[in-house]
Amino acid sequence: MSEHIHRQRHTGDQGEPSDAPLDAAQVQINTQGTDDLLDEIDDLLEDNAEEFVNSYVQKGGQ
């Protein structure tokens, strides 16, 4: 799930592009899912950090 924020360029009286200010509603991004995932990882590492790290150790040149 990815969200994109687009800026629109408007031409002024002089024909030069200028950045229009973004509406506050356009900038709002939902990060709750990411925060929940990071909290779950933190909880896992608090309980089983050594086991978690050992599962990523290379064995026999893998």
Protein backbone atom coordinates (compact mmCIF):
# COMPACT_ATOMS: atom_id res chain seq x y z
CA MET A 1 0.00 0.00 0.00
CA SER A 2 1.65 3.18 -1.09
CA GLU A 3 0.27 6.65 -1.38
CA HIS A 4 1.58 9.38 -3.59
CA ILE A 5 1.42 13.12 -3.11
CA HIS A 6 1.41 15.17 -6.28
CA ARG A 7 2.25 18.83 -6.54
CA GLN A 8 0.67 20.76 -9.33
CA ARG A 9 2.47 23.60 -11.00
CA HIS A 10 0.51 26.63 -12.09
CA THR A 11 1.79 29.31 -14.41
CA GLY A 12 1.73 32.85 -13.12
CA ASP A 13 1.28 36.07 -15.07
CA GLN A 14 4.91 35.91 -16.20
CA GLY A 15 4.59 32.39 -17.61
CA GLU A 16 6.97 30.91 -15.03
CA PRO A 17 5.84 27.84 -13.09
CA SER A 18 5.24 28.32 -9.38
CA ASP A 19 4.51 25.75 -6.68
CA ALA A 20 0.98 26.03 -5.35
CA PRO A 21 0.66 25.47 -1.60
CA LEU A 22 -0.72 22.03 -0.77
CA ASP A 23 -4.02 21.77 1.03
CA ALA A 24 -3.61 20.24 4.51
CA ALA A 25 -6.02 17.43 3.59
CA GLN A 26 -3.82 16.43 0.64
CA VAL A 27 -0.73 16.03 2.84
CA GLN A 28 -2.36 13.71 5.37
CA ILE A 29 -0.86 10.19 5.14
CA ASN A 30 -2.08 7.18 7.12
CA THR A 31 0.91 5.57 8.86
CA GLN A 32 -1.08 3.53 11.38
CA GLY A 33 -0.36 0.21 9.62
CA THR A 34 3.38 0.90 9.60
CA ASP A 35 3.34 1.96 13.24
CA ASP A 36 1.47 -1.23 14.20
CA LEU A 37 4.00 -3.38 12.34
CA LEU A 38 6.95 -1.65 14.02
CA ASP A 39 5.32 -2.10 17.44
CA GLU A 40 4.86 -5.81 16.71
CA ILE A 41 8.54 -6.14 15.72
CA ASP A 42 9.62 -4.30 18.89
CA ASP A 43 7.53 -6.66 21.03
CA LEU A 44 9.02 -9.69 19.29
CA LEU A 45 12.57 -8.43 19.78
CA GLU A 46 11.97 -7.72 23.47
CA ASP A 47 10.97 -11.35 24.01
CA ASN A 48 13.14 -13.28 21.53
CA ALA A 49 15.96 -11.01 20.34
CA GLU A 50 18.66 -13.69 20.43
CA GLU A 51 16.50 -16.25 18.61
CA PHE A 52 15.49 -13.64 16.02
CA VAL A 53 19.11 -12.69 15.30
CA ASN A 54 20.27 -16.32 15.19
CA SER A 55 17.68 -17.07 12.51
CA TYR A 56 19.53 -14.67 10.19
CA VAL A 57 23.06 -15.95 10.87
CA GLN A 58 24.64 -17.52 7.79
CA LYS A 59 25.54 -21.16 8.18
CA GLY A 60 27.90 -23.00 5.84
CA GLY A 61 28.25 -20.15 3.35
CA GLN A 62 24.55 -19.73 2.69
